[in-house]
Each structure stands twice: as structure tokens, then as C-alpha cells.
Amino acid sequence: MSRLRRNMILRSKVIAALVTVVALTGAAAGVASATSGSSTTTTRVEHYWLGNIDQTGAATVFVGTGVFTDAGSISPEGVVTGFWGSFSLINERLRYKDTINMNTCFVTQIISGGSSVGRGTGAYKGISGTLSVRGEIVAVLRRLKNGECDVTGWEDHDVVPLNQTGELSGSSKITLRSVVP
């Protein structure tokens, strides 16, 4: 084996050992702070974006920054799962204003309102507040055999369009309880 190859293998083993030590130190510090620390509460504005709205109307991507910064996914049930934990959107109070072009079957849907947050896990344990919601979804509805737009069930969110896209976003004060050493 060449000297260069041995040095590369040795270097990668040293790097792997350092990464392991850092990870174990961080985990130990996290456990120590979680078990022996005191609780603090922070209330600040959180900005968030929901995107990749699929054909069923569910957003699948979550990005947030403010009192916390994280990215992850959101389930159709409203559970946001990020790198640091998860929380739920509960008691959604959303208003929908639809405009349907019956000639082209093009729909514009304006969404506004709010949703409470809670049921946090991990870093989001104890999260509370209400996120404001605003945004727009555009879609193309299917045509029936008679050529008319298939709007049956659109208001009840029971119709699946040919496709749709959009983004929801908002900013609101969120309270996050965290443990500090």
C-alpha cells in the first residue's frame, strides 16, 4: 500500500474519531442540560412558509425562522416535523375565497386565518401561540364529459384537480420553552 493511501486512510480514521467524540460530547451536554437545567420561556415572532402543495391541497414542505429556525415537512394532519422535533397545527380557523373561471377551469383560492400550535416534541416541547396564515393556491380542475368544469366538491375540498400549486406563509408571536444549563 502506498504511503499516500495509508495517510489518507489514517486521516479519515482520525476525522471519524473526532466526529464521534464531538457527537458524544454534544449528546452528553444535551442530556445534562435537559436533566439539570432550568426552564426559560422565549416569545418572539416566527416567520414560516409552507410549500409544495400537492393535488390534495396538502402542503408538504415547512421552513421557519424567528424564535426557532428549522425546516422539514408537514403532514396532511398538520404535524410539522423538523430536525429539532415536531409540533401540531390545531384548531385551524381558515377562510377560503375561490374564484373559478368556468371557461378555462382555472381556480384561484385565497386562504387566510390562523392556526394554534401545540403538542410539541423535542426542542418544541411547550410550544404555544397562533400562526397567522395567508396565501394563494392556483389549480386547474378536470372537465366533465359534457365539457363543463368539475366543481362538485371543490368547496368541501373533495375534488382532486389536474394539478395545483401555491404557497402559504405567515408571521406571529410564538412562545417556546427551552431548558438551559
N, C-alpha and C. Protein backbone atom coordinates (compact mmCIF):
# COMPACT_ATOMS: atom_id res chain seq x y z
N MET A 1 0.85 -1.16 0.00
CA MET A 1 0.00 0.00 0.00
C MET A 1 0.90 1.23 0.00
N SER A 2 0.55 2.19 -0.80
CA SER A 2 1.39 3.37 -0.93
C SER A 2 1.27 4.24 0.32
N ARG A 3 2.29 5.05 0.53
CA ARG A 3 2.33 5.96 1.68
C ARG A 3 1.16 6.94 1.62
N LEU A 4 0.83 7.44 0.44
CA LEU A 4 -0.27 8.37 0.27
C LEU A 4 -1.59 7.72 0.67
N ARG A 5 -1.81 6.50 0.23
CA ARG A 5 -3.05 5.77 0.56
C ARG A 5 -3.14 5.55 2.07
N ARG A 6 -2.02 5.14 2.73
CA ARG A 6 -2.02 4.93 4.18
C ARG A 6 -2.33 6.23 4.91
N ASN A 7 -1.74 7.34 4.45
CA ASN A 7 -2.01 8.64 5.09
C ASN A 7 -3.48 9.03 4.94
N MET A 8 -4.06 8.77 3.77
CA MET A 8 -5.48 9.10 3.57
C MET A 8 -6.36 8.26 4.48
N ILE A 9 -6.06 6.97 4.62
CA ILE A 9 -6.84 6.09 5.49
C ILE A 9 -6.69 6.54 6.94
N LEU A 10 -5.46 6.84 7.36
CA LEU A 10 -5.22 7.30 8.73
C LEU A 10 -5.95 8.61 8.99
N ARG A 11 -5.88 9.54 8.04
CA ARG A 11 -6.54 10.83 8.17
C ARG A 11 -8.05 10.64 8.31
N SER A 12 -8.66 9.76 7.49
CA SER A 12 -10.10 9.55 7.57
C SER A 12 -10.48 8.89 8.89
N LYS A 13 -9.61 8.00 9.45
CA LYS A 13 -9.91 7.40 10.75
C LYS A 13 -9.84 8.44 11.85
N VAL A 14 -8.89 9.35 11.79
CA VAL A 14 -8.77 10.43 12.78
C VAL A 14 -9.98 11.34 12.71
N ILE A 15 -10.39 11.70 11.50
CA ILE A 15 -11.57 12.55 11.33
C ILE A 15 -12.80 11.86 11.87
N ALA A 16 -12.97 10.57 11.58
CA ALA A 16 -14.12 9.81 12.08
C ALA A 16 -14.11 9.77 13.61
N ALA A 17 -12.94 9.58 14.20
CA ALA A 17 -12.85 9.56 15.66
C ALA A 17 -13.22 10.91 16.26
N LEU A 18 -12.75 12.01 15.65
CA LEU A 18 -13.08 13.34 16.13
C LEU A 18 -14.57 13.62 16.02
N VAL A 19 -15.17 13.22 14.90
CA VAL A 19 -16.62 13.41 14.73
C VAL A 19 -17.37 12.64 15.82
N THR A 20 -16.94 11.41 16.12
CA THR A 20 -17.59 10.62 17.15
C THR A 20 -17.46 11.28 18.51
N VAL A 21 -16.27 11.79 18.85
CA VAL A 21 -16.06 12.46 20.13
C VAL A 21 -16.93 13.70 20.24
N VAL A 22 -16.98 14.51 19.18
CA VAL A 22 -17.80 15.72 19.19
C VAL A 22 -19.27 15.36 19.35
N ALA A 23 -19.73 14.33 18.63
CA ALA A 23 -21.14 13.92 18.71
C ALA A 23 -21.47 13.44 20.11
N LEU A 24 -20.60 12.61 20.70
CA LEU A 24 -20.86 12.12 22.06
C LEU A 24 -20.82 13.23 23.08
N THR A 25 -19.89 14.17 22.93
CA THR A 25 -19.82 15.31 23.84
C THR A 25 -21.08 16.16 23.74
N GLY A 26 -21.54 16.40 22.52
CA GLY A 26 -22.76 17.18 22.33
C GLY A 26 -23.97 16.47 22.90
N ALA A 27 -24.05 15.16 22.71
CA ALA A 27 -25.18 14.40 23.26
C ALA A 27 -25.14 14.43 24.77
N ALA A 28 -23.96 14.26 25.35
CA ALA A 28 -23.86 14.29 26.81
C ALA A 28 -24.23 15.66 27.35
N ALA A 29 -23.78 16.71 26.69
CA ALA A 29 -24.13 18.07 27.12
C ALA A 29 -25.62 18.30 27.00
N GLY A 30 -26.23 17.78 25.94
CA GLY A 30 -27.68 17.93 25.76
C GLY A 30 -28.45 17.22 26.85
N VAL A 31 -28.03 16.00 27.19
CA VAL A 31 -28.70 15.27 28.26
C VAL A 31 -28.50 15.97 29.58
N ALA A 32 -27.30 16.46 29.84
CA ALA A 32 -27.04 17.16 31.09
C ALA A 32 -27.88 18.42 31.20
N SER A 33 -27.98 19.18 30.12
CA SER A 33 -28.76 20.41 30.20
C SER A 33 -30.23 20.11 30.29
N ALA A 34 -30.68 19.03 29.66
CA ALA A 34 -32.10 18.70 29.71
C ALA A 34 -32.50 18.17 31.08
N THR A 35 -31.56 17.56 31.79
CA THR A 35 -31.92 16.98 33.08
C THR A 35 -31.59 17.90 34.25
N SER A 36 -30.61 18.78 34.10
CA SER A 36 -30.21 19.58 35.25
C SER A 36 -30.44 21.07 35.05
N GLY A 37 -30.91 21.47 33.87
CA GLY A 37 -31.06 22.89 33.59
C GLY A 37 -32.36 23.46 34.10
N SER A 38 -32.47 24.77 33.97
CA SER A 38 -33.71 25.44 34.32
C SER A 38 -34.44 25.79 33.04
N SER A 39 -35.72 26.01 33.16
CA SER A 39 -36.55 26.29 32.01
C SER A 39 -36.62 27.79 31.76
N THR A 40 -36.52 28.20 30.51
CA THR A 40 -36.71 29.59 30.14
C THR A 40 -37.79 29.64 29.07
N THR A 41 -38.47 30.75 29.01
CA THR A 41 -39.51 30.93 28.03
C THR A 41 -39.14 32.10 27.13
N THR A 42 -39.24 31.90 25.85
CA THR A 42 -38.94 32.93 24.86
C THR A 42 -40.17 33.14 23.99
N THR A 43 -40.57 34.39 23.84
CA THR A 43 -41.66 34.72 22.94
C THR A 43 -41.12 35.70 21.91
N ARG A 44 -41.18 35.28 20.66
CA ARG A 44 -40.72 36.14 19.55
C ARG A 44 -41.56 35.83 18.33
N VAL A 45 -41.36 36.63 17.32
CA VAL A 45 -42.08 36.43 16.06
C VAL A 45 -41.44 35.29 15.28
N GLU A 46 -42.27 34.40 14.79
CA GLU A 46 -41.85 33.30 13.92
C GLU A 46 -42.39 33.58 12.53
N HIS A 47 -41.55 33.46 11.52
CA HIS A 47 -41.94 33.59 10.12
C HIS A 47 -41.89 32.18 9.53
N TYR A 48 -42.87 31.82 8.74
CA TYR A 48 -42.86 30.48 8.17
C TYR A 48 -43.43 30.49 6.76
N TRP A 49 -43.10 29.43 6.03
CA TRP A 49 -43.57 29.22 4.68
C TRP A 49 -43.94 27.75 4.53
N LEU A 50 -45.07 27.49 3.89
CA LEU A 50 -45.49 26.14 3.54
C LEU A 50 -45.56 26.06 2.03
N GLY A 51 -45.00 25.02 1.46
CA GLY A 51 -44.98 24.92 0.01
C GLY A 51 -45.14 23.50 -0.47
N ASN A 52 -44.90 23.30 -1.76
CA ASN A 52 -45.08 22.00 -2.43
C ASN A 52 -46.49 21.48 -2.20
N ILE A 53 -47.47 22.31 -2.44
CA ILE A 53 -48.85 21.93 -2.21
C ILE A 53 -49.25 20.91 -3.28
N ASP A 54 -49.64 19.72 -2.83
CA ASP A 54 -49.92 18.64 -3.76
C ASP A 54 -51.37 18.68 -4.26
N GLN A 55 -51.75 17.68 -5.06
CA GLN A 55 -53.07 17.66 -5.67
C GLN A 55 -54.20 17.58 -4.66
N THR A 56 -53.93 17.10 -3.47
CA THR A 56 -54.99 17.01 -2.46
C THR A 56 -55.11 18.31 -1.67
N GLY A 57 -54.23 19.26 -1.92
CA GLY A 57 -54.28 20.53 -1.21
C GLY A 57 -53.38 20.59 0.01
N ALA A 58 -52.64 19.53 0.28
CA ALA A 58 -51.77 19.48 1.45
C ALA A 58 -50.39 20.04 1.11
N ALA A 59 -49.90 20.94 1.95
CA ALA A 59 -48.53 21.42 1.82
C ALA A 59 -47.62 20.35 2.39
N THR A 60 -46.47 20.15 1.80
CA THR A 60 -45.58 19.10 2.29
C THR A 60 -44.24 19.62 2.80
N VAL A 61 -43.94 20.90 2.57
CA VAL A 61 -42.65 21.45 3.00
C VAL A 61 -42.90 22.58 3.99
N PHE A 62 -42.10 22.61 5.07
CA PHE A 62 -42.18 23.66 6.08
C PHE A 62 -40.79 24.27 6.25
N VAL A 63 -40.73 25.61 6.28
CA VAL A 63 -39.50 26.33 6.60
C VAL A 63 -39.89 27.44 7.56
N GLY A 64 -39.17 27.57 8.65
CA GLY A 64 -39.49 28.61 9.63
C GLY A 64 -38.24 29.27 10.17
N THR A 65 -38.36 30.55 10.56
CA THR A 65 -37.25 31.26 11.18
C THR A 65 -37.81 32.33 12.11
N GLY A 66 -37.12 32.58 13.20
CA GLY A 66 -37.54 33.57 14.18
C GLY A 66 -37.19 33.08 15.56
N VAL A 67 -38.19 32.72 16.35
CA VAL A 67 -37.94 32.16 17.67
C VAL A 67 -37.21 30.82 17.53
N PHE A 68 -37.40 30.14 16.41
CA PHE A 68 -36.60 28.97 16.05
C PHE A 68 -36.39 28.99 14.53
N THR A 69 -35.35 28.33 14.08
CA THR A 69 -35.11 28.16 12.64
C THR A 69 -35.01 26.68 12.37
N ASP A 70 -35.86 26.21 11.48
CA ASP A 70 -35.89 24.79 11.17
C ASP A 70 -36.56 24.60 9.82
N ALA A 71 -36.38 23.45 9.26
CA ALA A 71 -37.02 23.08 8.00
C ALA A 71 -37.38 21.62 8.09
N GLY A 72 -38.44 21.27 7.41
CA GLY A 72 -38.87 19.88 7.42
C GLY A 72 -40.11 19.69 6.61
N SER A 73 -40.98 18.86 7.12
CA SER A 73 -42.19 18.52 6.38
C SER A 73 -43.42 18.78 7.23
N ILE A 74 -44.56 18.82 6.57
CA ILE A 74 -45.83 18.94 7.26
C ILE A 74 -46.75 17.87 6.70
N SER A 75 -47.40 17.14 7.59
CA SER A 75 -48.28 16.06 7.17
C SER A 75 -49.67 16.61 6.85
N PRO A 76 -50.49 15.83 6.15
CA PRO A 76 -51.86 16.27 5.89
C PRO A 76 -52.66 16.52 7.17
N GLU A 77 -52.24 15.89 8.28
CA GLU A 77 -52.91 16.09 9.56
C GLU A 77 -52.43 17.35 10.29
N GLY A 78 -51.46 18.07 9.70
CA GLY A 78 -50.98 19.31 10.31
C GLY A 78 -49.85 19.13 11.31
N VAL A 79 -49.12 18.03 11.24
CA VAL A 79 -47.97 17.81 12.12
C VAL A 79 -46.71 18.26 11.39
N VAL A 80 -46.05 19.27 11.95
CA VAL A 80 -44.80 19.79 11.39
C VAL A 80 -43.65 19.00 12.03
N THR A 81 -42.83 18.37 11.20
CA THR A 81 -41.69 17.61 11.69
C THR A 81 -40.43 18.24 11.12
N GLY A 82 -39.60 18.77 12.02
CA GLY A 82 -38.35 19.38 11.62
C GLY A 82 -37.18 18.59 12.17
N PHE A 83 -36.00 19.15 12.03
CA PHE A 83 -34.79 18.50 12.50
C PHE A 83 -34.76 18.41 14.03
N TRP A 84 -35.32 19.44 14.71
CA TRP A 84 -35.21 19.55 16.16
C TRP A 84 -36.40 18.99 16.92
N GLY A 85 -37.44 18.54 16.23
CA GLY A 85 -38.62 18.00 16.89
C GLY A 85 -39.84 18.21 16.03
N SER A 86 -41.01 18.14 16.67
CA SER A 86 -42.26 18.32 15.92
C SER A 86 -43.27 19.10 16.75
N PHE A 87 -44.28 19.64 16.09
CA PHE A 87 -45.41 20.27 16.75
C PHE A 87 -46.60 20.19 15.82
N SER A 88 -47.78 20.43 16.37
CA SER A 88 -49.01 20.29 15.60
C SER A 88 -49.70 21.62 15.40
N LEU A 89 -50.32 21.77 14.23
CA LEU A 89 -51.22 22.88 13.96
C LEU A 89 -52.60 22.39 14.38
N ILE A 90 -53.22 23.07 15.34
CA ILE A 90 -54.51 22.63 15.86
C ILE A 90 -55.50 23.79 15.83
N ASN A 91 -56.77 23.46 15.82
CA ASN A 91 -57.84 24.47 15.80
C ASN A 91 -57.66 25.45 14.65
N GLU A 92 -57.47 24.92 13.44
CA GLU A 92 -57.30 25.79 12.28
C GLU A 92 -58.59 26.56 12.02
N ARG A 93 -58.46 27.85 11.89
CA ARG A 93 -59.58 28.73 11.56
C ARG A 93 -59.22 29.43 10.25
N LEU A 94 -59.48 28.74 9.15
CA LEU A 94 -59.09 29.25 7.85
C LEU A 94 -60.32 29.66 7.05
N ARG A 95 -60.13 30.71 6.26
CA ARG A 95 -61.17 31.19 5.35
C ARG A 95 -60.64 31.03 3.92
N TYR A 96 -61.54 30.62 3.03
CA TYR A 96 -61.17 30.38 1.64
C TYR A 96 -62.03 31.27 0.75
N LYS A 97 -61.41 31.92 -0.21
CA LYS A 97 -62.14 32.71 -1.20
C LYS A 97 -61.72 32.18 -2.57
N ASP A 98 -62.67 31.53 -3.25
CA ASP A 98 -62.38 30.90 -4.53
C ASP A 98 -62.89 31.75 -5.69
N THR A 99 -62.09 31.80 -6.73
CA THR A 99 -62.51 32.38 -8.00
C THR A 99 -62.29 31.31 -9.06
N ILE A 100 -63.38 30.90 -9.72
CA ILE A 100 -63.29 29.84 -10.73
C ILE A 100 -63.68 30.41 -12.09
N ASN A 101 -62.78 30.28 -13.05
CA ASN A 101 -63.08 30.66 -14.42
C ASN A 101 -63.73 29.44 -15.08
N MET A 102 -65.05 29.50 -15.31
CA MET A 102 -65.79 28.36 -15.82
C MET A 102 -65.47 28.07 -17.29
N ASN A 103 -64.81 28.99 -17.99
CA ASN A 103 -64.40 28.74 -19.37
C ASN A 103 -63.11 27.94 -19.45
N THR A 104 -62.18 28.22 -18.52
CA THR A 104 -60.86 27.58 -18.56
C THR A 104 -60.65 26.55 -17.46
N CYS A 105 -61.55 26.51 -16.46
CA CYS A 105 -61.45 25.63 -15.29
C CYS A 105 -60.25 25.99 -14.41
N PHE A 106 -59.79 27.23 -14.49
CA PHE A 106 -58.68 27.73 -13.67
C PHE A 106 -59.25 28.28 -12.37
N VAL A 107 -58.66 27.89 -11.25
CA VAL A 107 -59.13 28.30 -9.92
C VAL A 107 -58.03 29.08 -9.22
N THR A 108 -58.42 30.18 -8.60
CA THR A 108 -57.55 30.90 -7.69
C THR A 108 -58.21 30.84 -6.32
N GLN A 109 -57.47 30.38 -5.33
CA GLN A 109 -58.01 30.26 -3.98
C GLN A 109 -57.13 31.08 -3.03
N ILE A 110 -57.74 32.08 -2.40
CA ILE A 110 -57.05 32.90 -1.41
C ILE A 110 -57.38 32.31 -0.03
N ILE A 111 -56.36 32.06 0.77
CA ILE A 111 -56.54 31.45 2.09
C ILE A 111 -56.03 32.43 3.14
N SER A 112 -56.82 32.62 4.21
CA SER A 112 -56.39 33.48 5.32
C SER A 112 -56.95 32.91 6.61
N GLY A 113 -56.41 33.37 7.72
CA GLY A 113 -56.90 32.91 9.01
C GLY A 113 -55.75 32.63 9.95
N GLY A 114 -55.93 31.63 10.80
CA GLY A 114 -54.90 31.30 11.78
C GLY A 114 -55.02 29.87 12.25
N SER A 115 -54.00 29.43 12.94
CA SER A 115 -53.96 28.09 13.49
C SER A 115 -53.15 28.10 14.77
N SER A 116 -53.68 27.50 15.82
CA SER A 116 -52.94 27.37 17.07
C SER A 116 -51.85 26.32 16.90
N VAL A 117 -50.76 26.48 17.65
CA VAL A 117 -49.70 25.48 17.65
C VAL A 117 -49.59 24.87 19.03
N GLY A 118 -49.22 23.60 19.08
CA GLY A 118 -49.08 22.90 20.35
C GLY A 118 -48.59 21.49 20.13
N ARG A 119 -48.66 20.68 21.18
CA ARG A 119 -48.25 19.27 21.14
C ARG A 119 -46.81 19.12 20.66
N GLY A 120 -45.93 19.95 21.15
CA GLY A 120 -44.53 19.92 20.71
C GLY A 120 -43.75 18.76 21.29
N THR A 121 -42.78 18.29 20.52
CA THR A 121 -41.83 17.28 20.99
C THR A 121 -40.42 17.79 20.74
N GLY A 122 -39.45 17.20 21.39
CA GLY A 122 -38.05 17.61 21.21
C GLY A 122 -37.87 19.06 21.63
N ALA A 123 -37.22 19.85 20.79
CA ALA A 123 -36.96 21.26 21.10
C ALA A 123 -38.24 22.08 21.15
N TYR A 124 -39.34 21.54 20.62
CA TYR A 124 -40.59 22.29 20.57
C TYR A 124 -41.56 21.91 21.69
N LYS A 125 -41.08 21.15 22.66
CA LYS A 125 -41.93 20.80 23.80
C LYS A 125 -42.33 22.10 24.50
N GLY A 126 -43.61 22.29 24.73
CA GLY A 126 -44.09 23.50 25.37
C GLY A 126 -44.38 24.64 24.42
N ILE A 127 -44.32 24.42 23.10
CA ILE A 127 -44.59 25.48 22.14
C ILE A 127 -46.05 25.89 22.23
N SER A 128 -46.30 27.19 22.07
CA SER A 128 -47.68 27.67 22.08
C SER A 128 -47.77 28.96 21.26
N GLY A 129 -48.97 29.30 20.88
CA GLY A 129 -49.19 30.51 20.11
C GLY A 129 -50.14 30.24 18.96
N THR A 130 -50.30 31.24 18.13
CA THR A 130 -51.17 31.13 16.97
C THR A 130 -50.41 31.66 15.75
N LEU A 131 -50.35 30.86 14.71
CA LEU A 131 -49.72 31.29 13.47
C LEU A 131 -50.78 31.89 12.56
N SER A 132 -50.51 33.10 12.07
CA SER A 132 -51.39 33.66 11.05
C SER A 132 -51.12 32.92 9.74
N VAL A 133 -52.13 32.81 8.92
CA VAL A 133 -52.00 32.09 7.65
C VAL A 133 -52.51 32.99 6.54
N ARG A 134 -51.75 33.08 5.47
CA ARG A 134 -52.21 33.78 4.28
C ARG A 134 -51.50 33.14 3.08
N GLY A 135 -52.16 33.17 1.96
CA GLY A 135 -51.53 32.60 0.78
C GLY A 135 -52.50 32.38 -0.34
N GLU A 136 -51.98 31.80 -1.40
CA GLU A 136 -52.76 31.60 -2.61
C GLU A 136 -52.43 30.25 -3.20
N ILE A 137 -53.47 29.57 -3.65
CA ILE A 137 -53.31 28.32 -4.37
C ILE A 137 -53.98 28.51 -5.72
N VAL A 138 -53.33 28.03 -6.77
CA VAL A 138 -53.94 28.04 -8.09
C VAL A 138 -54.04 26.59 -8.56
N ALA A 139 -55.12 26.31 -9.30
CA ALA A 139 -55.35 24.93 -9.73
C ALA A 139 -56.08 24.92 -11.07
N VAL A 140 -56.01 23.78 -11.73
CA VAL A 140 -56.79 23.54 -12.93
C VAL A 140 -57.68 22.34 -12.63
N LEU A 141 -59.00 22.56 -12.74
CA LEU A 141 -59.96 21.49 -12.49
C LEU A 141 -60.13 20.59 -13.71
N ARG A 142 -60.58 19.39 -13.47
CA ARG A 142 -60.88 18.45 -14.55
C ARG A 142 -62.16 18.90 -15.27
N ARG A 143 -62.29 18.48 -16.51
CA ARG A 143 -63.52 18.73 -17.27
C ARG A 143 -64.36 17.46 -17.27
N LEU A 144 -65.65 17.64 -17.15
CA LEU A 144 -66.58 16.53 -17.26
C LEU A 144 -66.75 16.16 -18.73
N LYS A 145 -67.40 15.04 -19.01
CA LYS A 145 -67.61 14.59 -20.40
C LYS A 145 -68.41 15.61 -21.20
N ASN A 146 -69.26 16.38 -20.52
CA ASN A 146 -70.06 17.40 -21.22
C ASN A 146 -69.28 18.70 -21.46
N GLY A 147 -67.99 18.74 -21.02
CA GLY A 147 -67.14 19.91 -21.25
C GLY A 147 -67.14 20.92 -20.12
N GLU A 148 -68.02 20.76 -19.13
CA GLU A 148 -68.06 21.70 -18.01
C GLU A 148 -66.97 21.36 -16.99
N CYS A 149 -66.60 22.35 -16.20
CA CYS A 149 -65.59 22.16 -15.16
C CYS A 149 -66.18 21.31 -14.03
N ASP A 150 -65.39 20.40 -13.52
CA ASP A 150 -65.82 19.55 -12.41
C ASP A 150 -65.61 20.30 -11.10
N VAL A 151 -66.62 21.06 -10.69
CA VAL A 151 -66.52 21.85 -9.46
C VAL A 151 -67.21 21.16 -8.28
N THR A 152 -67.85 20.03 -8.54
CA THR A 152 -68.53 19.30 -7.48
C THR A 152 -67.52 18.91 -6.41
N GLY A 153 -67.76 19.36 -5.21
CA GLY A 153 -66.87 19.02 -4.09
C GLY A 153 -65.70 19.96 -3.91
N TRP A 154 -65.49 20.95 -4.79
CA TRP A 154 -64.35 21.84 -4.65
C TRP A 154 -64.39 22.60 -3.33
N GLU A 155 -65.55 23.13 -2.98
CA GLU A 155 -65.65 23.90 -1.73
C GLU A 155 -65.44 23.02 -0.50
N ASP A 156 -65.77 21.73 -0.60
CA ASP A 156 -65.56 20.80 0.51
C ASP A 156 -64.19 20.14 0.45
N HIS A 157 -63.37 20.55 -0.50
CA HIS A 157 -62.03 20.01 -0.71
C HIS A 157 -62.06 18.52 -1.02
N ASP A 158 -63.14 18.07 -1.70
CA ASP A 158 -63.28 16.67 -2.06
C ASP A 158 -62.91 16.38 -3.50
N VAL A 159 -62.67 17.40 -4.30
CA VAL A 159 -62.33 17.19 -5.70
C VAL A 159 -60.82 17.31 -5.86
N VAL A 160 -60.25 16.42 -6.64
CA VAL A 160 -58.81 16.46 -6.91
C VAL A 160 -58.61 17.12 -8.27
N PRO A 161 -57.93 18.28 -8.31
CA PRO A 161 -57.72 18.95 -9.59
C PRO A 161 -56.68 18.22 -10.44
N LEU A 162 -56.55 18.66 -11.69
CA LEU A 162 -55.49 18.10 -12.53
C LEU A 162 -54.14 18.33 -11.87
N ASN A 163 -53.95 19.53 -11.36
CA ASN A 163 -52.76 19.85 -10.57
C ASN A 163 -52.97 21.21 -9.93
N GLN A 164 -52.17 21.49 -8.94
CA GLN A 164 -52.24 22.79 -8.27
C GLN A 164 -50.90 23.11 -7.63
N THR A 165 -50.73 24.37 -7.33
CA THR A 165 -49.52 24.82 -6.66
C THR A 165 -49.86 26.06 -5.86
N GLY A 166 -48.97 26.44 -5.00
CA GLY A 166 -49.19 27.63 -4.21
C GLY A 166 -48.25 27.67 -3.02
N GLU A 167 -48.41 28.72 -2.23
CA GLU A 167 -47.60 28.88 -1.04
C GLU A 167 -48.43 29.56 0.03
N LEU A 168 -48.29 29.09 1.24
CA LEU A 168 -48.89 29.73 2.41
C LEU A 168 -47.76 30.22 3.28
N SER A 169 -47.97 31.34 3.95
CA SER A 169 -46.94 31.87 4.82
C SER A 169 -47.59 32.68 5.93
N GLY A 170 -46.78 33.10 6.87
CA GLY A 170 -47.30 33.93 7.94
C GLY A 170 -46.22 34.32 8.93
N SER A 171 -46.60 35.19 9.83
CA SER A 171 -45.72 35.64 10.92
C SER A 171 -46.59 35.88 12.15
N SER A 172 -46.16 35.36 13.27
CA SER A 172 -46.91 35.54 14.51
C SER A 172 -45.98 35.32 15.69
N LYS A 173 -46.40 35.83 16.85
CA LYS A 173 -45.63 35.58 18.07
C LYS A 173 -45.87 34.15 18.53
N ILE A 174 -44.77 33.47 18.80
CA ILE A 174 -44.79 32.09 19.28
C ILE A 174 -44.00 32.05 20.58
N THR A 175 -44.48 31.28 21.53
CA THR A 175 -43.76 31.09 22.79
C THR A 175 -43.13 29.71 22.76
N LEU A 176 -41.85 29.67 23.09
CA LEU A 176 -41.10 28.42 23.10
C LEU A 176 -40.40 28.32 24.44
N ARG A 177 -40.65 27.23 25.12
CA ARG A 177 -40.00 26.97 26.41
C ARG A 177 -38.79 26.08 26.15
N SER A 178 -37.64 26.48 26.66
CA SER A 178 -36.44 25.68 26.46
C SER A 178 -35.71 25.50 27.78
N VAL A 179 -34.86 24.49 27.81
CA VAL A 179 -34.07 24.19 29.01
C VAL A 179 -32.65 24.70 28.79
N VAL A 180 -32.15 25.45 29.78
CA VAL A 180 -30.78 25.96 29.69
C VAL A 180 -29.98 25.43 30.87
N PRO A 181 -28.67 25.26 30.69
CA PRO A 181 -27.84 24.72 31.76
C PRO A 181 -27.76 25.65 32.96
